[in-house]
Protein backbone atom coordinates (compact mmCIF):
# COMPACT_ATOMS: atom_id res chain seq x y z
CA MET A 1 4.42 23.59 14.20
CA SER A 2 4.96 20.90 11.32
CA LEU A 3 2.06 18.96 10.09
CA SER A 4 2.96 15.57 8.65
CA LEU A 5 1.12 13.18 6.52
CA PRO A 6 -0.03 9.86 7.67
CA SER A 7 2.29 7.04 6.49
CA ALA A 8 1.04 4.92 3.54
CA ARG A 9 0.90 2.02 5.66
CA PHE A 10 -1.56 3.71 8.09
CA ALA A 11 -3.64 5.10 5.13
CA ALA A 12 -3.85 1.54 3.87
CA ARG A 13 -4.90 -0.10 6.94
CA ALA A 14 -7.57 2.79 7.61
CA LEU A 15 -9.05 2.51 4.20
CA LEU A 16 -9.19 -1.27 4.61
CA LEU A 17 -10.94 -0.85 7.93
CA ILE A 18 -13.47 1.91 6.81
CA ILE A 19 -14.23 0.20 3.55
CA ALA A 20 -14.90 -2.99 5.41
CA LEU A 21 -17.16 -1.25 7.77
CA THR A 22 -18.93 0.45 4.88
CA LEU A 23 -19.70 -2.87 3.56
CA VAL A 24 -21.21 -4.02 6.71
CA PHE A 25 -23.26 -0.69 6.89
CA HIS A 26 -24.64 -1.36 3.23
CA GLY A 27 -25.56 -4.91 4.36
CA LEU A 28 -27.65 -3.31 7.21
CA VAL A 29 -29.22 -0.91 4.84
CA ILE A 30 -30.14 -3.79 2.42
CA GLY A 31 -31.34 -5.77 5.21
CA GLY A 32 -33.61 -3.10 6.50
CA VAL A 33 -31.95 -2.57 9.81
CA VAL A 34 -30.74 0.91 8.77
CA PRO A 35 -33.60 3.01 7.04
CA PHE A 36 -32.77 3.67 3.49
CA GLN A 37 -33.85 7.24 3.71
CA ILE A 38 -30.46 8.33 5.26
CA VAL A 39 -28.44 7.10 2.18
CA TRP A 40 -28.13 8.16 -1.45
CA GLY A 41 -29.16 11.90 -0.52
CA GLY A 42 -32.53 10.70 0.90
CA ARG A 43 -33.74 10.60 -2.69
CA LEU A 44 -34.47 6.87 -3.12
CA THR A 45 -38.17 6.08 -3.84
CA GLY A 46 -38.39 2.39 -2.99
CA ARG A 47 -36.82 -0.91 -2.25
CA ASP A 48 -36.34 -1.81 -6.02
CA GLU A 49 -34.37 1.36 -6.41
CA LEU A 50 -32.41 0.87 -3.23
CA LEU A 51 -31.43 -2.60 -4.20
CA ALA A 52 -29.98 -1.39 -7.59
CA PHE A 53 -28.02 1.37 -6.10
CA GLU A 54 -26.83 -0.71 -3.23
CA ALA A 55 -25.62 -3.44 -5.76
CA VAL A 56 -23.62 -0.82 -7.52
CA SER A 57 -22.14 0.61 -4.18
CA VAL A 58 -21.39 -2.81 -2.87
CA GLY A 59 -19.50 -3.77 -6.07
CA LEU A 60 -17.56 -0.53 -6.02
CA ASN A 61 -16.64 -0.96 -2.43
CA LEU A 62 -15.45 -4.55 -3.09
CA LEU A 63 -13.38 -3.30 -5.99
CA MET A 64 -11.77 -0.63 -3.82
CA LEU A 65 -11.06 -3.04 -0.98
CA ALA A 66 -9.26 -5.27 -3.42
CA ALA A 67 -7.33 -2.68 -4.83
CA VAL A 68 -6.21 -1.41 -1.42
CA ALA A 69 -5.38 -4.89 -0.26
CA ALA A 70 -3.42 -5.47 -3.53
CA TRP A 71 -1.52 -2.34 -3.08
CA ALA A 72 -0.64 -3.23 0.47
CA GLY A 73 0.49 -6.73 -0.52
CA LEU A 74 -2.16 -8.40 1.40
CA LEU A 75 -3.60 -10.14 -1.84
CA ARG A 76 -1.36 -12.68 -3.55
CA VAL A 77 -2.09 -11.37 -7.03
CA GLN A 78 0.21 -9.48 -9.45
CA VAL A 79 -1.29 -6.19 -10.39
CA PRO A 80 0.60 -3.60 -12.54
CA ALA A 81 1.48 -0.69 -10.42
CA GLY A 82 0.20 1.65 -12.94
CA LEU A 83 -3.36 -0.01 -12.83
CA LEU A 84 -3.34 -0.02 -9.01
CA ARG A 85 -2.38 3.71 -9.18
CA ALA A 86 -5.17 4.57 -11.73
CA VAL A 87 -7.77 2.79 -9.47
CA LEU A 88 -6.65 4.76 -6.35
CA TRP A 89 -6.82 8.05 -8.45
CA LEU A 90 -10.43 6.91 -9.43
CA MET A 91 -10.98 6.30 -5.65
CA VAL A 92 -9.90 9.93 -4.93
CA ALA A 93 -12.31 11.33 -7.57
CA LEU A 94 -15.20 9.06 -6.45
CA PHE A 95 -14.80 9.94 -2.72
CA ALA A 96 -14.35 13.61 -3.52
CA LEU A 97 -17.55 13.73 -5.67
CA ASN A 98 -19.28 11.67 -2.95
CA THR A 99 -18.30 14.33 -0.40
CA VAL A 100 -19.99 16.99 -2.37
CA GLY A 101 -22.97 14.72 -2.92
CA ASN A 102 -23.28 14.31 0.83
CA LEU A 103 -23.21 18.08 1.46
CA LEU A 104 -26.12 18.37 -1.08
CA SER A 105 -27.97 15.53 0.73
CA THR A 106 -31.61 16.28 2.09
CA ASN A 107 -30.80 14.06 5.00
CA GLN A 108 -29.18 15.74 7.99
CA PHE A 109 -27.65 12.52 9.36
CA GLU A 110 -26.02 11.72 5.98
CA LYS A 111 -24.61 15.34 5.73
CA LEU A 112 -23.11 15.30 9.16
CA VAL A 113 -21.71 11.93 9.38
CA PHE A 114 -20.78 11.01 5.86
CA THR A 115 -19.54 14.29 4.45
CA PRO A 116 -16.44 14.03 6.75
CA LEU A 117 -16.15 10.33 6.35
CA THR A 118 -16.06 10.54 2.48
CA LEU A 119 -13.51 13.56 2.80
CA LEU A 120 -11.27 11.39 4.97
CA LEU A 121 -11.68 8.47 2.50
CA ALA A 122 -10.64 10.81 -0.31
CA LEU A 123 -7.55 11.97 1.61
CA LEU A 124 -6.39 8.60 2.48
CA SER A 125 -6.90 7.42 -1.10
CA LEU A 126 -4.83 10.37 -2.22
CA ARG A 127 -1.99 9.42 0.12
CA LEU A 128 -1.82 6.00 -1.35
CA ALA A 129 -2.21 7.42 -4.98
CA LEU A 130 0.88 9.48 -4.30
CA SER A 131 2.81 6.65 -2.77
CA LYS A 132 4.65 3.64 -4.30
CA PRO A 133 3.22 0.18 -3.38
CA PRO A 134 5.36 -1.66 -0.81
CA VAL A 135 6.54 -3.88 -3.76
CA ALA A 136 5.78 -2.94 -7.27
CA GLY A 137 2.99 -4.88 -8.75
CA GLY A 138 1.71 -6.12 -5.29
CA ALA A 139 3.78 -7.66 -2.42
CA PRO A 140 3.77 -10.99 -0.61
CA ALA A 141 0.94 -11.38 1.89
CA GLY A 142 1.32 -9.37 5.00
CA ALA A 143 3.91 -7.08 3.63
CA VAL A 144 2.31 -3.64 4.33
CA ARG A 145 5.10 -1.15 5.21
């Protein structure tokens, strides 16, 4: 039995979807719909700390969303392929470290739900980091291959 990697196109689309849903989730945490005790390892002490951590998280997620969209050719911007590759490798590292952090969480929900999710994000990011963009430096809109 042979195990094949998902296509780079699939990895890009999956990353875009999951990161977009992650941004929605962070909005729900900021809005108080989702209790903040289930994020950040269950270690946040109050609303001010939550807002500071969430601001960083939302900013990073927006940057990652833009990087993947640029890689896939969904943004009409010229970004050097080397810069995109560097950002993708940083995403691999960030999601891998986040996976370890989730394993060490004091919140069981975070440990059980977000550990496999961040591992998946690390693997999808790795798939893109090892691939060439559809067109070097970004592609025309909608050109995900």
